[in-house]
Amino acid sequence: MTVTNRQSGTNVHEVADGIYRINTPIEIKGAGGFSFNQYVIVDDEPLLFHTGLRKMFPLVREAVASILPVAKLRHIAFSHVEADECGSLNEWLAAAPHAAPLCGSVAAMVSISDLADRAPRALADGELLSLGEHSVRWFDAPHLPHAWECGFLMEERTSTLFCGDLFTQGGSDLPVTTETDILAPSEAFRKQMDYFSHTKNARGMIERLAATKPATLACMHGSVWRGDGAQLLRGLADALSA
């Protein structure tokens, strides 16, 4: 692990072949520790997943620059429209002049075509995009856990699911990667602040993600998880149905 900013604790770690996690731990007054993760896929067309909050842009840019030249980024991707997902989108577009927003068709239609300084690349449900050696497939997942335009990316070569807010874990001193249970701590966090929409379609969408058999779950908040992702996802579906 490389610490790129000692004041904030922002750090970088390769969590799968050619895939790097950028992590910034924070302390929230009265609420304990938390963390924000972004991910970079290094390839012919490098991809950043999650931009981070607008005010975090200097920290995240510094971390990305430790991985590759920022100007080489080609895709600025995110799960849904929210400050920690795409708050610094336009700052990234300015820093990476050949990059474009990458999102689902609903996000492009209702928000990003207007909010972004550059036209988005909208992915249809199930569409595969080649980055070079890596390929990412988009899955529409409306209201899972929240937002009409929500969706997820699956990197097929490494079986890495960029699962956004699913399996959010509280805490600021968690391990980079883990093979221990993250469902229980993520459910404990959800009971404190239930951020799920509880859509009736959750089980079907989760089963579709499980069918991709992810081996790595790249969570937005907390540790990256490794193991039988299908089993863990189905456990989440059971917990949501309980």
C-alpha atoms as a PDB file:
ATOM      1  CA  MET A   1       0.000   0.000   0.000  1.00  0.00           C
ATOM      2  CA  THR A   2       1.245   3.473  -0.913  1.00  0.00           C
ATOM      3  CA  VAL A   3       0.171   6.510   1.138  1.00  0.00           C
ATOM      4  CA  THR A   4      -0.130   9.419  -1.292  1.00  0.00           C
ATOM      5  CA  ASN A   5      -1.125  12.088   1.233  1.00  0.00           C
ATOM      6  CA  ARG A   6       0.035  11.763   4.823  1.00  0.00           C
ATOM      7  CA  GLN A   7      -2.231  14.500   6.138  1.00  0.00           C
ATOM      8  CA  SER A   8      -5.449  12.857   4.879  1.00  0.00           C
ATOM      9  CA  GLY A   9      -4.183   9.275   4.898  1.00  0.00           C
ATOM     10  CA  THR A  10      -5.227   8.810   1.263  1.00  0.00           C
ATOM     11  CA  ASN A  11      -3.670   5.593   0.000  1.00  0.00           C
ATOM     12  CA  VAL A  12      -3.430   3.386  -3.099  1.00  0.00           C
ATOM     13  CA  HIS A  13      -3.362  -0.396  -3.352  1.00  0.00           C
ATOM     14  CA  GLU A  14      -3.601  -2.806  -6.295  1.00  0.00           C
ATOM     15  CA  VAL A  15      -6.591  -5.038  -5.484  1.00  0.00           C
ATOM     16  CA  ALA A  16      -6.751  -7.061  -8.734  1.00  0.00           C
ATOM     17  CA  ASP A  17      -4.568  -7.279 -11.824  1.00  0.00           C
ATOM     18  CA  GLY A  18      -4.380  -3.730 -13.158  1.00  0.00           C
ATOM     19  CA  ILE A  19      -7.086  -2.455 -10.777  1.00  0.00           C
ATOM     20  CA  TYR A  20      -6.187  -0.013  -8.020  1.00  0.00           C
ATOM     21  CA  ARG A  21      -8.198   1.176  -5.030  1.00  0.00           C
ATOM     22  CA  ILE A  22      -7.818   4.769  -3.831  1.00  0.00           C
ATOM     23  CA  ASN A  23      -8.968   5.106  -0.227  1.00  0.00           C
ATOM     24  CA  THR A  24      -9.430   8.154   1.978  1.00  0.00           C
ATOM     25  CA  PRO A  25     -10.372   7.524   5.624  1.00  0.00           C
ATOM     26  CA  ILE A  26     -12.336  10.195   7.475  1.00  0.00           C
ATOM     27  CA  GLU A  27     -13.742  10.792  10.923  1.00  0.00           C
ATOM     28  CA  ILE A  28     -17.312  12.086  11.148  1.00  0.00           C
ATOM     29  CA  LYS A  29     -18.041  14.018  14.329  1.00  0.00           C
ATOM     30  CA  GLY A  30     -20.400  11.973  16.473  1.00  0.00           C
ATOM     31  CA  ALA A  31     -20.596   9.145  13.927  1.00  0.00           C
ATOM     32  CA  GLY A  32     -17.156   7.496  14.018  1.00  0.00           C
ATOM     33  CA  GLY A  33     -14.978   6.507  11.099  1.00  0.00           C
ATOM     34  CA  PHE A  34     -15.865   6.121   7.434  1.00  0.00           C
ATOM     35  CA  SER A  35     -14.016   5.883   4.132  1.00  0.00           C
ATOM     36  CA  PHE A  36     -14.399   6.758   0.467  1.00  0.00           C
ATOM     37  CA  ASN A  37     -12.986   4.532  -2.287  1.00  0.00           C
ATOM     38  CA  GLN A  38     -12.334   5.185  -5.948  1.00  0.00           C
ATOM     39  CA  TYR A  39     -10.969   2.645  -8.427  1.00  0.00           C
ATOM     40  CA  VAL A  40      -8.664   2.957 -11.416  1.00  0.00           C
ATOM     41  CA  ILE A  41      -8.405   0.346 -14.174  1.00  0.00           C
ATOM     42  CA  VAL A  42      -5.071   0.738 -15.939  1.00  0.00           C
ATOM     43  CA  ASP A  43      -5.330  -0.202 -19.610  1.00  0.00           C
ATOM     44  CA  ASP A  44      -5.253   1.235 -23.118  1.00  0.00           C
ATOM     45  CA  GLU A  45      -8.328   3.276 -22.164  1.00  0.00           C
ATOM     46  CA  PRO A  46      -7.918   3.848 -18.410  1.00  0.00           C
ATOM     47  CA  LEU A  47     -11.084   4.110 -16.351  1.00  0.00           C
ATOM     48  CA  LEU A  48     -11.806   5.845 -13.044  1.00  0.00           C
ATOM     49  CA  PHE A  49     -14.825   4.494 -11.132  1.00  0.00           C
ATOM     50  CA  HIS A  50     -16.251   7.063  -8.666  1.00  0.00           C
ATOM     51  CA  THR A  51     -14.838  10.588  -8.762  1.00  0.00           C
ATOM     52  CA  GLY A  52     -14.990  11.282  -5.048  1.00  0.00           C
ATOM     53  CA  LEU A  53     -16.527  14.369  -3.496  1.00  0.00           C
ATOM     54  CA  ARG A  54     -15.775  17.668  -5.231  1.00  0.00           C
ATOM     55  CA  LYS A  55     -13.790  18.880  -2.207  1.00  0.00           C
ATOM     56  CA  MET A  56     -11.729  15.667  -2.297  1.00  0.00           C
ATOM     57  CA  PHE A  57     -10.620  16.205  -5.894  1.00  0.00           C
ATOM     58  CA  PRO A  58      -7.040  17.332  -5.048  1.00  0.00           C
ATOM     59  CA  LEU A  59      -6.518  14.227  -2.872  1.00  0.00           C
ATOM     60  CA  VAL A  60      -7.919  11.812  -5.433  1.00  0.00           C
ATOM     61  CA  ARG A  61      -6.086  13.461  -8.311  1.00  0.00           C
ATOM     62  CA  GLU A  62      -2.813  13.169  -6.381  1.00  0.00           C
ATOM     63  CA  ALA A  63      -3.504   9.476  -5.829  1.00  0.00           C
ATOM     64  CA  VAL A  64      -4.435   8.823  -9.467  1.00  0.00           C
ATOM     65  CA  ALA A  65      -1.250  10.575 -10.559  1.00  0.00           C
ATOM     66  CA  SER A  66       0.736   8.039  -8.543  1.00  0.00           C
ATOM     67  CA  ILE A  67      -0.768   5.297 -10.744  1.00  0.00           C
ATOM     68  CA  LEU A  68      -0.750   6.902 -14.199  1.00  0.00           C
ATOM     69  CA  PRO A  69      -0.735  10.363 -15.792  1.00  0.00           C
ATOM     70  CA  VAL A  70      -4.154  11.873 -15.094  1.00  0.00           C
ATOM     71  CA  ALA A  71      -4.461  13.139 -18.682  1.00  0.00           C
ATOM     72  CA  LYS A  72      -4.453   9.527 -19.923  1.00  0.00           C
ATOM     73  CA  LEU A  73      -7.857   8.759 -18.363  1.00  0.00           C
ATOM     74  CA  ARG A  74     -10.518   7.993 -20.964  1.00  0.00           C
ATOM     75  CA  HIS A  75     -13.569   7.072 -18.872  1.00  0.00           C
ATOM     76  CA  ILE A  76     -14.938   8.732 -15.724  1.00  0.00           C
ATOM     77  CA  ALA A  77     -17.511   6.214 -14.525  1.00  0.00           C
ATOM     78  CA  PHE A  78     -19.883   5.979 -11.580  1.00  0.00           C
ATOM     79  CA  SER A  79     -22.841   3.988 -10.285  1.00  0.00           C
ATOM     80  CA  HIS A  80     -25.371   6.793  -9.833  1.00  0.00           C
ATOM     81  CA  VAL A  81     -25.651  10.550  -9.452  1.00  0.00           C
ATOM     82  CA  GLU A  82     -24.506  11.488  -5.949  1.00  0.00           C
ATOM     83  CA  ALA A  83     -21.770  13.787  -4.631  1.00  0.00           C
ATOM     84  CA  ASP A  84     -19.329  11.052  -3.644  1.00  0.00           C
ATOM     85  CA  GLU A  85     -19.986   9.210  -6.918  1.00  0.00           C
ATOM     86  CA  CYS A  86     -19.564  12.066  -9.388  1.00  0.00           C
ATOM     87  CA  GLY A  87     -19.245  15.320  -7.434  1.00  0.00           C
ATOM     88  CA  SER A  88     -15.930  16.215  -9.069  1.00  0.00           C
ATOM     89  CA  LEU A  89     -16.866  14.959 -12.537  1.00  0.00           C
ATOM     90  CA  ASN A  90     -16.226  18.258 -14.290  1.00  0.00           C
ATOM     91  CA  GLU A  91     -12.900  18.728 -12.515  1.00  0.00           C
ATOM     92  CA  TRP A  92     -11.849  15.320 -13.884  1.00  0.00           C
ATOM     93  CA  LEU A  93     -13.026  16.213 -17.380  1.00  0.00           C
ATOM     94  CA  ALA A  94     -10.891  19.349 -17.240  1.00  0.00           C
ATOM     95  CA  ALA A  95      -7.863  17.398 -16.002  1.00  0.00           C
ATOM     96  CA  ALA A  96      -8.294  14.587 -18.544  1.00  0.00           C
ATOM     97  CA  PRO A  97      -9.151  16.275 -21.865  1.00  0.00           C
ATOM     98  CA  HIS A  98      -9.766  13.014 -23.744  1.00  0.00           C
ATOM     99  CA  ALA A  99     -12.058  11.500 -21.090  1.00  0.00           C
ATOM    100  CA  ALA A 100     -15.843  11.322 -21.117  1.00  0.00           C
ATOM    101  CA  PRO A 101     -18.401  10.482 -18.434  1.00  0.00           C
ATOM    102  CA  LEU A 102     -19.371   6.795 -18.498  1.00  0.00           C
ATOM    103  CA  CYS A 103     -22.753   5.904 -17.041  1.00  0.00           C
ATOM    104  CA  GLY A 104     -26.035   4.157 -17.700  1.00  0.00           C
ATOM    105  CA  SER A 105     -28.515   5.434 -20.252  1.00  0.00           C
ATOM    106  CA  VAL A 106     -30.919   6.744 -17.600  1.00  0.00           C
ATOM    107  CA  ALA A 107     -28.209   8.794 -15.854  1.00  0.00           C
ATOM    108  CA  ALA A 108     -27.129  10.203 -19.210  1.00  0.00           C
ATOM    109  CA  MET A 109     -30.694  11.133 -20.123  1.00  0.00           C
ATOM    110  CA  VAL A 110     -31.908  12.699 -16.883  1.00  0.00           C
ATOM    111  CA  SER A 111     -28.758  14.276 -15.415  1.00  0.00           C
ATOM    112  CA  ILE A 112     -25.318  13.901 -16.945  1.00  0.00           C
ATOM    113  CA  SER A 113     -26.083  15.272 -20.412  1.00  0.00           C
ATOM    114  CA  ASP A 114     -26.840  18.543 -18.629  1.00  0.00           C
ATOM    115  CA  LEU A 115     -24.526  18.443 -15.581  1.00  0.00           C
ATOM    116  CA  ALA A 116     -21.333  17.368 -17.328  1.00  0.00           C
ATOM    117  CA  ASP A 117     -19.106  19.680 -19.347  1.00  0.00           C
ATOM    118  CA  ARG A 118     -18.618  16.920 -21.921  1.00  0.00           C
ATOM    119  CA  ALA A 119     -21.188  14.564 -23.451  1.00  0.00           C
ATOM    120  CA  PRO A 120     -21.438  11.196 -21.688  1.00  0.00           C
ATOM    121  CA  ARG A 121     -20.862   7.748 -23.112  1.00  0.00           C
ATOM    122  CA  ALA A 122     -24.127   6.018 -22.163  1.00  0.00           C
ATOM    123  CA  LEU A 123     -24.035   2.252 -21.705  1.00  0.00           C
ATOM    124  CA  ALA A 124     -27.122   0.158 -22.327  1.00  0.00           C
ATOM    125  CA  ASP A 125     -28.052  -2.565 -19.874  1.00  0.00           C
ATOM    126  CA  GLY A 126     -25.703  -5.496 -20.485  1.00  0.00           C
ATOM    127  CA  GLU A 127     -23.414  -3.566 -22.851  1.00  0.00           C
ATOM    128  CA  LEU A 128     -19.732  -4.572 -22.856  1.00  0.00           C
ATOM    129  CA  LEU A 129     -16.973  -2.001 -23.273  1.00  0.00           C
ATOM    130  CA  SER A 130     -13.393  -3.019 -24.054  1.00  0.00           C
ATOM    131  CA  LEU A 131     -10.650  -1.007 -22.368  1.00  0.00           C
ATOM    132  CA  GLY A 132      -7.860  -3.071 -23.935  1.00  0.00           C
ATOM    133  CA  GLU A 133      -6.988  -6.147 -21.888  1.00  0.00           C
ATOM    134  CA  HIS A 134      -9.873  -5.445 -19.507  1.00  0.00           C
ATOM    135  CA  SER A 135     -13.551  -5.287 -20.413  1.00  0.00           C
ATOM    136  CA  VAL A 136     -16.391  -3.851 -18.339  1.00  0.00           C
ATOM    137  CA  ARG A 137     -20.064  -4.728 -18.611  1.00  0.00           C
ATOM    138  CA  TRP A 138     -22.810  -2.395 -17.345  1.00  0.00           C
ATOM    139  CA  PHE A 139     -25.792  -3.693 -15.382  1.00  0.00           C
ATOM    140  CA  ASP A 140     -28.821  -1.483 -14.808  1.00  0.00           C
ATOM    141  CA  ALA A 141     -29.946  -1.745 -11.170  1.00  0.00           C
ATOM    142  CA  PRO A 142     -32.612   0.914 -10.574  1.00  0.00           C
ATOM    143  CA  HIS A 143     -33.103   1.742  -6.880  1.00  0.00           C
ATOM    144  CA  LEU A 144     -30.504  -0.842  -5.767  1.00  0.00           C
ATOM    145  CA  PRO A 145     -29.660   0.398  -3.263  1.00  0.00           C
ATOM    146  CA  HIS A 146     -31.021   3.798  -4.332  1.00  0.00           C
ATOM    147  CA  ALA A 147     -31.442   6.112  -7.329  1.00  0.00           C
ATOM    148  CA  TRP A 148     -33.417   5.423 -10.497  1.00  0.00           C
ATOM    149  CA  GLU A 149     -30.286   5.584 -12.630  1.00  0.00           C
ATOM    150  CA  CYS A 150     -28.204   3.219 -10.461  1.00  0.00           C
ATOM    151  CA  GLY A 151     -26.095   0.505 -12.061  1.00  0.00           C
ATOM    152  CA  PHE A 152     -22.855  -1.426 -11.660  1.00  0.00           C
ATOM    153  CA  LEU A 153     -19.803  -2.391 -13.713  1.00  0.00           C
ATOM    154  CA  MET A 154     -18.354  -5.902 -13.897  1.00  0.00           C
ATOM    155  CA  GLU A 155     -14.741  -6.244 -15.066  1.00  0.00           C
ATOM    156  CA  GLU A 156     -14.801  -9.609 -16.753  1.00  0.00           C
ATOM    157  CA  ARG A 157     -11.126 -10.594 -16.950  1.00  0.00           C
ATOM    158  CA  THR A 158     -10.557 -10.278 -13.201  1.00  0.00           C
ATOM    159  CA  SER A 159     -14.182 -11.021 -12.178  1.00  0.00           C
ATOM    160  CA  THR A 160     -14.291  -7.749 -10.243  1.00  0.00           C
ATOM    161  CA  LEU A 161     -17.708  -6.249  -9.535  1.00  0.00           C
ATOM    162  CA  PHE A 162     -17.674  -2.509  -8.891  1.00  0.00           C
ATOM    163  CA  CYS A 163     -20.637  -2.676  -6.564  1.00  0.00           C
ATOM    164  CA  GLY A 164     -20.968   0.942  -5.465  1.00  0.00           C
ATOM    165  CA  ASP A 165     -22.869   1.388  -2.220  1.00  0.00           C
ATOM    166  CA  LEU A 166     -23.678  -2.305  -1.804  1.00  0.00           C
ATOM    167  CA  PHE A 167     -21.937  -3.759   1.275  1.00  0.00           C
ATOM    168  CA  THR A 168     -21.091  -0.333   2.712  1.00  0.00           C
ATOM    169  CA  GLN A 169     -18.950  -0.813   5.818  1.00  0.00           C
ATOM    170  CA  GLY A 170     -18.422   1.804   8.486  1.00  0.00           C
ATOM    171  CA  GLY A 171     -15.007   2.456   9.964  1.00  0.00           C
ATOM    172  CA  SER A 172     -11.845   4.219   8.851  1.00  0.00           C
ATOM    173  CA  ASP A 173      -9.189   1.640   9.735  1.00  0.00           C
ATOM    174  CA  LEU A 174     -10.415  -1.438   7.880  1.00  0.00           C
ATOM    175  CA  PRO A 175      -8.026  -3.715   5.918  1.00  0.00           C
ATOM    176  CA  VAL A 176      -7.565  -3.004   2.224  1.00  0.00           C
ATOM    177  CA  THR A 177      -8.864  -6.452   1.290  1.00  0.00           C
ATOM    178  CA  THR A 178     -10.618  -9.108   3.306  1.00  0.00           C
ATOM    179  CA  GLU A 179     -12.014 -12.609   2.911  1.00  0.00           C
ATOM    180  CA  THR A 180     -13.995 -12.420   6.148  1.00  0.00           C
ATOM    181  CA  ASP A 181     -17.709 -11.659   6.278  1.00  0.00           C
ATOM    182  CA  ILE A 182     -18.690  -8.129   5.263  1.00  0.00           C
ATOM    183  CA  LEU A 183     -22.428  -8.777   5.107  1.00  0.00           C
ATOM    184  CA  ALA A 184     -22.908  -8.620   8.882  1.00  0.00           C
ATOM    185  CA  PRO A 185     -21.024  -5.327   9.352  1.00  0.00           C
ATOM    186  CA  SER A 186     -22.665  -3.801   6.301  1.00  0.00           C
ATOM    187  CA  GLU A 187     -26.099  -4.807   7.599  1.00  0.00           C
ATOM    188  CA  ALA A 188     -25.213  -3.338  11.003  1.00  0.00           C
ATOM    189  CA  PHE A 189     -24.342  -0.081   9.261  1.00  0.00           C
ATOM    190  CA  ARG A 190     -27.606  -0.164   7.286  1.00  0.00           C
ATOM    191  CA  LYS A 191     -29.621  -0.543  10.488  1.00  0.00           C
ATOM    192  CA  GLN A 192     -28.102   2.712  11.723  1.00  0.00           C
ATOM    193  CA  MET A 193     -28.794   4.569   8.478  1.00  0.00           C
ATOM    194  CA  ASP A 194     -30.974   2.667   6.025  1.00  0.00           C
ATOM    195  CA  TYR A 195     -29.917   3.908   2.610  1.00  0.00           C
ATOM    196  CA  PHE A 196     -31.758   1.171   0.657  1.00  0.00           C
ATOM    197  CA  SER A 197     -34.919   1.950  -1.293  1.00  0.00           C
ATOM    198  CA  HIS A 198     -36.227  -1.593  -0.645  1.00  0.00           C
ATOM    199  CA  THR A 199     -37.359  -2.016  -4.217  1.00  0.00           C
ATOM    200  CA  LYS A 200     -39.471  -5.110  -4.786  1.00  0.00           C
ATOM    201  CA  ASN A 201     -37.152  -5.998  -7.667  1.00  0.00           C
ATOM    202  CA  ALA A 202     -34.021  -6.234  -5.494  1.00  0.00           C
ATOM    203  CA  ARG A 203     -33.742 -10.031  -5.445  1.00  0.00           C
ATOM    204  CA  GLY A 204     -33.980 -10.353  -9.206  1.00  0.00           C
ATOM    205  CA  MET A 205     -31.323  -7.699  -9.803  1.00  0.00           C
ATOM    206  CA  ILE A 206     -29.033  -9.184  -7.172  1.00  0.00           C
ATOM    207  CA  GLU A 207     -29.421 -12.650  -8.692  1.00  0.00           C
ATOM    208  CA  ARG A 208     -28.397 -11.229 -12.052  1.00  0.00           C
ATOM    209  CA  LEU A 209     -25.232  -9.840 -10.466  1.00  0.00           C
ATOM    210  CA  ALA A 210     -24.624 -13.134  -8.655  1.00  0.00           C
ATOM    211  CA  ALA A 211     -24.818 -14.985 -11.967  1.00  0.00           C
ATOM    212  CA  THR A 212     -21.635 -13.181 -13.077  1.00  0.00           C
ATOM    213  CA  LYS A 213     -19.790 -15.050 -10.269  1.00  0.00           C
ATOM    214  CA  PRO A 214     -17.641 -12.168  -9.059  1.00  0.00           C
ATOM    215  CA  ALA A 215     -14.467 -13.093  -7.183  1.00  0.00           C
ATOM    216  CA  THR A 216     -13.769  -9.546  -5.993  1.00  0.00           C
ATOM    217  CA  LEU A 217     -16.274  -6.971  -4.758  1.00  0.00           C
ATOM    218  CA  ALA A 218     -14.910  -3.439  -5.100  1.00  0.00           C
ATOM    219  CA  CYS A 219     -16.960  -1.615  -2.467  1.00  0.00           C
ATOM    220  CA  MET A 220     -17.221   2.151  -2.375  1.00  0.00           C
ATOM    221  CA  HIS A 221     -16.993   2.324   1.400  1.00  0.00           C
ATOM    222  CA  GLY A 222     -14.825  -0.115   3.358  1.00  0.00           C
ATOM    223  CA  SER A 223     -12.696  -3.109   2.454  1.00  0.00           C
ATOM    224  CA  VAL A 224     -12.492  -4.830  -0.911  1.00  0.00           C
ATOM    225  CA  TRP A 225     -13.877  -8.349  -0.488  1.00  0.00           C
ATOM    226  CA  ARG A 226     -12.563 -11.546  -2.083  1.00  0.00           C
ATOM    227  CA  GLY A 227     -14.295 -14.902  -2.274  1.00  0.00           C
ATOM    228  CA  ASP A 228     -17.529 -16.418  -3.562  1.00  0.00           C
ATOM    229  CA  GLY A 229     -19.272 -13.220  -4.565  1.00  0.00           C
ATOM    230  CA  ALA A 230     -22.375 -15.024  -5.781  1.00  0.00           C
ATOM    231  CA  GLN A 231     -22.967 -16.522  -2.351  1.00  0.00           C
ATOM    232  CA  LEU A 232     -22.402 -13.203  -0.610  1.00  0.00           C
ATOM    233  CA  LEU A 233     -24.775 -11.379  -2.963  1.00  0.00           C
ATOM    234  CA  ARG A 234     -27.473 -13.965  -2.388  1.00  0.00           C
ATOM    235  CA  GLY A 235     -26.943 -13.503   1.343  1.00  0.00           C
ATOM    236  CA  LEU A 236     -27.637  -9.797   0.858  1.00  0.00           C
ATOM    237  CA  ALA A 237     -30.849 -10.619  -1.015  1.00  0.00           C
ATOM    238  CA  ASP A 238     -31.945 -12.830   1.889  1.00  0.00           C
ATOM    239  CA  ALA A 239     -31.155 -10.076   4.405  1.00  0.00           C
ATOM    240  CA  LEU A 240     -33.163  -7.543   2.445  1.00  0.00           C
ATOM    241  CA  SER A 241     -36.120  -9.932   2.290  1.00  0.00           C
ATOM    242  CA  ALA A 242     -36.054 -10.711   6.010  1.00  0.00           C
END
